Amino acid sequence: MTRLLSLSQLSLKASQNTLCVTGDVGMDAAAELAAAGKKWLQATEQRDVTFDFNGVHKASSAVISVLFEWMRTCQSRSITVNAVTLSAPLERLALLSEIESLIHPPTLAR
C-alpha cells in the first residue's frame, strides 16, 4: 500500500487498483485530496479502479466533490470504475442528495 497523502486527520492510500480514503475530509483538505488522487489516476497504468471511502465517517459534500473529480479523471483516461464503496454516512448523504445513481449506476458493482 502506498501512502499518497497524509494530513492530520486524513489519509489517502493506493493499493493495486484501489484508492482508499480514511479520516475526515473538510473543505480545507478536499482540494489536496482531489489533487493527490487525480495525480495517481493520471500516472497509473491500471485500466480499472475502485474507490473506497469506508473510512470516512463524517458525511460531507466535499468528499462527494472529490469522488466526482476522480470519476471525471477516470472518464477522460478511459479507466473503468469497478466500484465505489461509501461509508454509511456518505451513503445517506448520496441518497438524500439524490445523486446515488451517479455514484452507483446500474452497470457499476457495489
N, C-alpha and C. Protein backbone atom coordinates (compact mmCIF):
# COMPACT_ATOMS: atom_id res chain seq x y z
N MET A 1 0.85 -1.17 0.00
CA MET A 1 0.00 0.00 0.00
C MET A 1 0.90 1.24 0.00
N THR A 2 0.59 2.19 -0.86
CA THR A 2 1.37 3.41 -0.98
C THR A 2 0.57 4.58 -0.44
N ARG A 3 1.17 5.31 0.48
CA ARG A 3 0.51 6.50 1.03
C ARG A 3 0.71 7.66 0.05
N LEU A 4 -0.39 8.21 -0.43
CA LEU A 4 -0.35 9.32 -1.38
C LEU A 4 -0.53 10.67 -0.70
N LEU A 5 -1.22 10.67 0.44
CA LEU A 5 -1.48 11.90 1.17
C LEU A 5 -1.67 11.57 2.64
N SER A 6 -1.05 12.37 3.48
CA SER A 6 -1.21 12.19 4.92
C SER A 6 -1.32 13.56 5.56
N LEU A 7 -2.50 13.86 6.06
CA LEU A 7 -2.75 15.09 6.79
C LEU A 7 -3.12 14.71 8.21
N SER A 8 -3.34 15.68 9.07
CA SER A 8 -3.57 15.38 10.49
C SER A 8 -4.70 14.38 10.73
N GLN A 9 -5.82 14.51 10.05
CA GLN A 9 -6.94 13.60 10.28
C GLN A 9 -7.43 12.94 8.99
N LEU A 10 -6.53 12.83 8.01
CA LEU A 10 -6.94 12.33 6.70
C LEU A 10 -5.77 11.62 6.03
N SER A 11 -6.07 10.49 5.38
CA SER A 11 -5.03 9.85 4.58
C SER A 11 -5.64 9.26 3.31
N LEU A 12 -4.80 9.19 2.30
CA LEU A 12 -5.15 8.58 1.03
C LEU A 12 -4.07 7.58 0.70
N LYS A 13 -4.50 6.33 0.46
CA LYS A 13 -3.55 5.27 0.13
C LYS A 13 -3.99 4.61 -1.17
N ALA A 14 -3.00 4.13 -1.91
CA ALA A 14 -3.26 3.36 -3.12
C ALA A 14 -2.72 1.96 -2.92
N SER A 15 -3.54 0.99 -3.29
CA SER A 15 -3.14 -0.41 -3.21
C SER A 15 -3.68 -1.11 -4.45
N GLN A 16 -2.77 -1.63 -5.27
CA GLN A 16 -3.17 -2.24 -6.53
C GLN A 16 -3.98 -1.22 -7.35
N ASN A 17 -5.27 -1.48 -7.51
CA ASN A 17 -6.12 -0.57 -8.29
C ASN A 17 -7.16 0.15 -7.42
N THR A 18 -6.87 0.28 -6.12
CA THR A 18 -7.84 0.89 -5.20
C THR A 18 -7.26 2.14 -4.55
N LEU A 19 -8.06 3.20 -4.56
CA LEU A 19 -7.77 4.39 -3.78
C LEU A 19 -8.62 4.33 -2.53
N CYS A 20 -7.97 4.42 -1.37
CA CYS A 20 -8.66 4.27 -0.08
C CYS A 20 -8.49 5.55 0.74
N VAL A 21 -9.61 6.15 1.13
CA VAL A 21 -9.61 7.38 1.91
C VAL A 21 -10.07 7.05 3.33
N THR A 22 -9.32 7.55 4.32
CA THR A 22 -9.73 7.41 5.71
C THR A 22 -9.58 8.74 6.42
N GLY A 23 -10.50 9.00 7.33
CA GLY A 23 -10.45 10.23 8.12
C GLY A 23 -11.54 11.20 7.73
N ASP A 24 -11.43 12.39 8.27
CA ASP A 24 -12.41 13.44 7.99
C ASP A 24 -11.92 14.34 6.86
N VAL A 25 -12.79 14.55 5.90
CA VAL A 25 -12.46 15.39 4.75
C VAL A 25 -13.25 16.68 4.87
N GLY A 26 -12.58 17.73 5.26
CA GLY A 26 -13.22 19.04 5.32
C GLY A 26 -12.94 19.81 4.04
N MET A 27 -13.52 20.97 3.96
CA MET A 27 -13.34 21.80 2.78
C MET A 27 -11.86 22.14 2.56
N ASP A 28 -11.12 22.34 3.65
CA ASP A 28 -9.70 22.69 3.52
C ASP A 28 -8.88 21.56 2.90
N ALA A 29 -9.20 20.34 3.25
CA ALA A 29 -8.41 19.20 2.78
C ALA A 29 -8.89 18.63 1.46
N ALA A 30 -10.10 18.95 1.05
CA ALA A 30 -10.69 18.36 -0.15
C ALA A 30 -9.86 18.62 -1.41
N ALA A 31 -9.36 19.82 -1.56
CA ALA A 31 -8.57 20.14 -2.76
C ALA A 31 -7.29 19.31 -2.82
N GLU A 32 -6.61 19.18 -1.68
CA GLU A 32 -5.39 18.37 -1.64
C GLU A 32 -5.69 16.91 -1.91
N LEU A 33 -6.78 16.42 -1.34
CA LEU A 33 -7.19 15.03 -1.55
C LEU A 33 -7.51 14.78 -3.01
N ALA A 34 -8.29 15.67 -3.60
CA ALA A 34 -8.65 15.53 -5.01
C ALA A 34 -7.40 15.54 -5.89
N ALA A 35 -6.49 16.45 -5.61
CA ALA A 35 -5.27 16.58 -6.43
C ALA A 35 -4.38 15.34 -6.30
N ALA A 36 -4.24 14.81 -5.09
CA ALA A 36 -3.40 13.63 -4.89
C ALA A 36 -3.97 12.41 -5.62
N GLY A 37 -5.28 12.22 -5.52
CA GLY A 37 -5.91 11.11 -6.22
C GLY A 37 -5.86 11.28 -7.73
N LYS A 38 -6.08 12.49 -8.18
CA LYS A 38 -6.05 12.77 -9.62
C LYS A 38 -4.65 12.53 -10.19
N LYS A 39 -3.64 12.94 -9.45
CA LYS A 39 -2.25 12.72 -9.88
C LYS A 39 -1.97 11.22 -10.04
N TRP A 40 -2.43 10.43 -9.06
CA TRP A 40 -2.24 8.98 -9.13
C TRP A 40 -3.00 8.40 -10.33
N LEU A 41 -4.23 8.83 -10.52
CA LEU A 41 -5.03 8.33 -11.65
C LEU A 41 -4.41 8.69 -13.00
N GLN A 42 -3.81 9.85 -13.08
CA GLN A 42 -3.20 10.26 -14.34
C GLN A 42 -1.90 9.50 -14.62
N ALA A 43 -1.26 9.00 -13.57
CA ALA A 43 0.01 8.30 -13.73
C ALA A 43 -0.13 6.78 -13.78
N THR A 44 -1.24 6.26 -13.31
CA THR A 44 -1.37 4.81 -13.19
C THR A 44 -1.50 4.12 -14.55
N GLU A 45 -1.06 2.87 -14.55
CA GLU A 45 -1.23 2.01 -15.72
C GLU A 45 -2.51 1.17 -15.59
N GLN A 46 -3.16 1.25 -14.44
CA GLN A 46 -4.39 0.48 -14.20
C GLN A 46 -5.46 0.88 -15.21
N ARG A 47 -6.23 -0.08 -15.67
CA ARG A 47 -7.33 0.19 -16.60
C ARG A 47 -8.67 0.16 -15.89
N ASP A 48 -8.67 -0.24 -14.61
CA ASP A 48 -9.87 -0.19 -13.80
C ASP A 48 -9.48 0.14 -12.37
N VAL A 49 -10.38 0.80 -11.66
CA VAL A 49 -10.09 1.23 -10.29
C VAL A 49 -11.32 1.03 -9.40
N THR A 50 -11.05 1.06 -8.11
CA THR A 50 -12.08 1.02 -7.08
C THR A 50 -11.79 2.17 -6.13
N PHE A 51 -12.84 2.85 -5.70
CA PHE A 51 -12.71 3.93 -4.72
C PHE A 51 -13.34 3.47 -3.42
N ASP A 52 -12.56 3.50 -2.35
CA ASP A 52 -13.02 3.04 -1.05
C ASP A 52 -13.06 4.21 -0.07
N PHE A 53 -14.28 4.64 0.28
CA PHE A 53 -14.50 5.72 1.23
C PHE A 53 -15.10 5.19 2.53
N ASN A 54 -14.93 3.90 2.81
CA ASN A 54 -15.48 3.30 4.04
C ASN A 54 -14.90 3.92 5.29
N GLY A 55 -13.70 4.45 5.22
CA GLY A 55 -13.05 5.01 6.39
C GLY A 55 -13.39 6.47 6.65
N VAL A 56 -14.33 7.01 5.88
CA VAL A 56 -14.77 8.40 6.07
C VAL A 56 -16.07 8.36 6.85
N HIS A 57 -16.03 8.80 8.10
CA HIS A 57 -17.19 8.63 8.97
C HIS A 57 -18.04 9.89 9.13
N LYS A 58 -17.62 10.95 8.51
CA LYS A 58 -18.38 12.20 8.58
C LYS A 58 -18.85 12.55 7.16
N ALA A 59 -20.17 12.65 7.00
CA ALA A 59 -20.73 12.99 5.69
C ALA A 59 -20.36 14.42 5.33
N SER A 60 -19.91 14.60 4.11
CA SER A 60 -19.50 15.93 3.65
C SER A 60 -19.64 16.01 2.15
N SER A 61 -20.19 17.13 1.69
CA SER A 61 -20.29 17.33 0.25
C SER A 61 -18.90 17.47 -0.36
N ALA A 62 -17.91 17.84 0.45
CA ALA A 62 -16.53 17.94 -0.04
C ALA A 62 -16.02 16.57 -0.51
N VAL A 63 -16.39 15.52 0.22
CA VAL A 63 -15.98 14.16 -0.16
C VAL A 63 -16.62 13.78 -1.49
N ILE A 64 -17.89 14.10 -1.63
CA ILE A 64 -18.60 13.78 -2.88
C ILE A 64 -17.97 14.54 -4.05
N SER A 65 -17.56 15.75 -3.82
CA SER A 65 -16.88 16.53 -4.88
C SER A 65 -15.57 15.87 -5.29
N VAL A 66 -14.83 15.38 -4.31
CA VAL A 66 -13.58 14.67 -4.61
C VAL A 66 -13.88 13.43 -5.45
N LEU A 67 -14.88 12.67 -5.04
CA LEU A 67 -15.25 11.47 -5.79
C LEU A 67 -15.60 11.81 -7.24
N PHE A 68 -16.40 12.83 -7.43
CA PHE A 68 -16.78 13.20 -8.81
C PHE A 68 -15.58 13.67 -9.62
N GLU A 69 -14.64 14.36 -8.99
CA GLU A 69 -13.42 14.78 -9.68
C GLU A 69 -12.64 13.55 -10.15
N TRP A 70 -12.52 12.57 -9.28
CA TRP A 70 -11.81 11.35 -9.65
C TRP A 70 -12.55 10.59 -10.74
N MET A 71 -13.87 10.57 -10.68
CA MET A 71 -14.66 9.88 -11.71
C MET A 71 -14.48 10.57 -13.07
N ARG A 72 -14.44 11.90 -13.07
CA ARG A 72 -14.19 12.63 -14.32
C ARG A 72 -12.81 12.31 -14.88
N THR A 73 -11.83 12.22 -14.00
CA THR A 73 -10.47 11.88 -14.43
C THR A 73 -10.45 10.49 -15.05
N CYS A 74 -11.14 9.56 -14.41
CA CYS A 74 -11.23 8.20 -14.97
C CYS A 74 -11.88 8.21 -16.34
N GLN A 75 -12.94 8.97 -16.48
CA GLN A 75 -13.64 9.03 -17.76
C GLN A 75 -12.71 9.59 -18.84
N SER A 76 -11.97 10.62 -18.52
CA SER A 76 -11.08 11.23 -19.52
C SER A 76 -9.92 10.31 -19.89
N ARG A 77 -9.54 9.39 -19.00
CA ARG A 77 -8.44 8.47 -19.26
C ARG A 77 -8.92 7.07 -19.65
N SER A 78 -10.21 6.91 -19.82
CA SER A 78 -10.80 5.61 -20.16
C SER A 78 -10.45 4.53 -19.13
N ILE A 79 -10.51 4.92 -17.87
CA ILE A 79 -10.31 3.98 -16.76
C ILE A 79 -11.70 3.60 -16.24
N THR A 80 -11.96 2.33 -16.14
CA THR A 80 -13.25 1.85 -15.65
C THR A 80 -13.29 1.92 -14.13
N VAL A 81 -14.36 2.47 -13.58
CA VAL A 81 -14.57 2.48 -12.14
C VAL A 81 -15.37 1.22 -11.81
N ASN A 82 -14.70 0.25 -11.19
CA ASN A 82 -15.34 -1.02 -10.85
C ASN A 82 -16.34 -0.89 -9.73
N ALA A 83 -15.98 -0.12 -8.71
CA ALA A 83 -16.85 0.01 -7.55
C ALA A 83 -16.50 1.27 -6.77
N VAL A 84 -17.52 1.80 -6.11
CA VAL A 84 -17.35 2.90 -5.18
C VAL A 84 -17.97 2.44 -3.87
N THR A 85 -17.17 2.37 -2.83
CA THR A 85 -17.65 1.97 -1.52
C THR A 85 -17.70 3.20 -0.63
N LEU A 86 -18.89 3.51 -0.15
CA LEU A 86 -19.08 4.66 0.72
C LEU A 86 -19.41 4.19 2.13
N SER A 87 -19.00 4.96 3.12
CA SER A 87 -19.40 4.69 4.50
C SER A 87 -20.90 4.95 4.63
N ALA A 88 -21.50 4.49 5.69
CA ALA A 88 -22.94 4.68 5.90
C ALA A 88 -23.33 6.17 5.88
N PRO A 89 -22.59 7.07 6.55
CA PRO A 89 -22.97 8.49 6.48
C PRO A 89 -22.90 9.07 5.06
N LEU A 90 -21.91 8.63 4.28
CA LEU A 90 -21.81 9.11 2.90
C LEU A 90 -22.93 8.53 2.02
N GLU A 91 -23.28 7.28 2.27
CA GLU A 91 -24.41 6.68 1.53
C GLU A 91 -25.69 7.45 1.80
N ARG A 92 -25.91 7.82 3.07
CA ARG A 92 -27.12 8.58 3.42
C ARG A 92 -27.11 9.95 2.73
N LEU A 93 -25.94 10.59 2.69
CA LEU A 93 -25.83 11.89 2.02
C LEU A 93 -26.12 11.75 0.53
N ALA A 94 -25.59 10.72 -0.09
CA ALA A 94 -25.84 10.50 -1.52
C ALA A 94 -27.32 10.25 -1.79
N LEU A 95 -27.95 9.47 -0.92
CA LEU A 95 -29.37 9.18 -1.06
C LEU A 95 -30.20 10.44 -0.86
N LEU A 96 -29.89 11.19 0.18
CA LEU A 96 -30.61 12.43 0.47
C LEU A 96 -30.44 13.45 -0.65
N SER A 97 -29.26 13.50 -1.23
CA SER A 97 -28.96 14.45 -2.31
C SER A 97 -29.45 13.96 -3.67
N GLU A 98 -29.95 12.73 -3.69
CA GLU A 98 -30.45 12.10 -4.91
C GLU A 98 -29.38 12.00 -5.99
N ILE A 99 -28.16 11.67 -5.56
CA ILE A 99 -27.06 11.50 -6.51
C ILE A 99 -26.53 10.07 -6.50
N GLU A 100 -27.19 9.17 -5.78
CA GLU A 100 -26.70 7.81 -5.68
C GLU A 100 -26.61 7.12 -7.03
N SER A 101 -27.49 7.47 -7.97
CA SER A 101 -27.43 6.83 -9.29
C SER A 101 -26.19 7.30 -10.08
N LEU A 102 -25.64 8.45 -9.75
CA LEU A 102 -24.41 8.91 -10.38
C LEU A 102 -23.20 8.18 -9.80
N ILE A 103 -23.29 7.84 -8.52
CA ILE A 103 -22.20 7.17 -7.83
C ILE A 103 -22.27 5.66 -8.06
N HIS A 104 -23.47 5.12 -8.04
CA HIS A 104 -23.68 3.68 -8.22
C HIS A 104 -24.61 3.43 -9.41
N PRO A 105 -24.16 3.72 -10.63
CA PRO A 105 -25.03 3.41 -11.77
C PRO A 105 -25.30 1.92 -11.86
N PRO A 106 -26.38 1.54 -12.52
CA PRO A 106 -26.74 0.12 -12.59
C PRO A 106 -25.62 -0.77 -13.12
N THR A 107 -24.75 -0.24 -13.96
CA THR A 107 -23.67 -1.05 -14.52
C THR A 107 -22.46 -1.14 -13.60
N LEU A 108 -22.46 -0.38 -12.50
CA LEU A 108 -21.34 -0.35 -11.57
C LEU A 108 -21.65 -1.23 -10.36
N ALA A 109 -20.80 -2.19 -10.10
CA ALA A 109 -21.00 -3.09 -8.96
C ALA A 109 -20.78 -2.33 -7.66
N ARG A 110 -21.51 -2.71 -6.63
CA ARG A 110 -21.32 -2.10 -5.31
C ARG A 110 -20.38 -2.90 -4.48
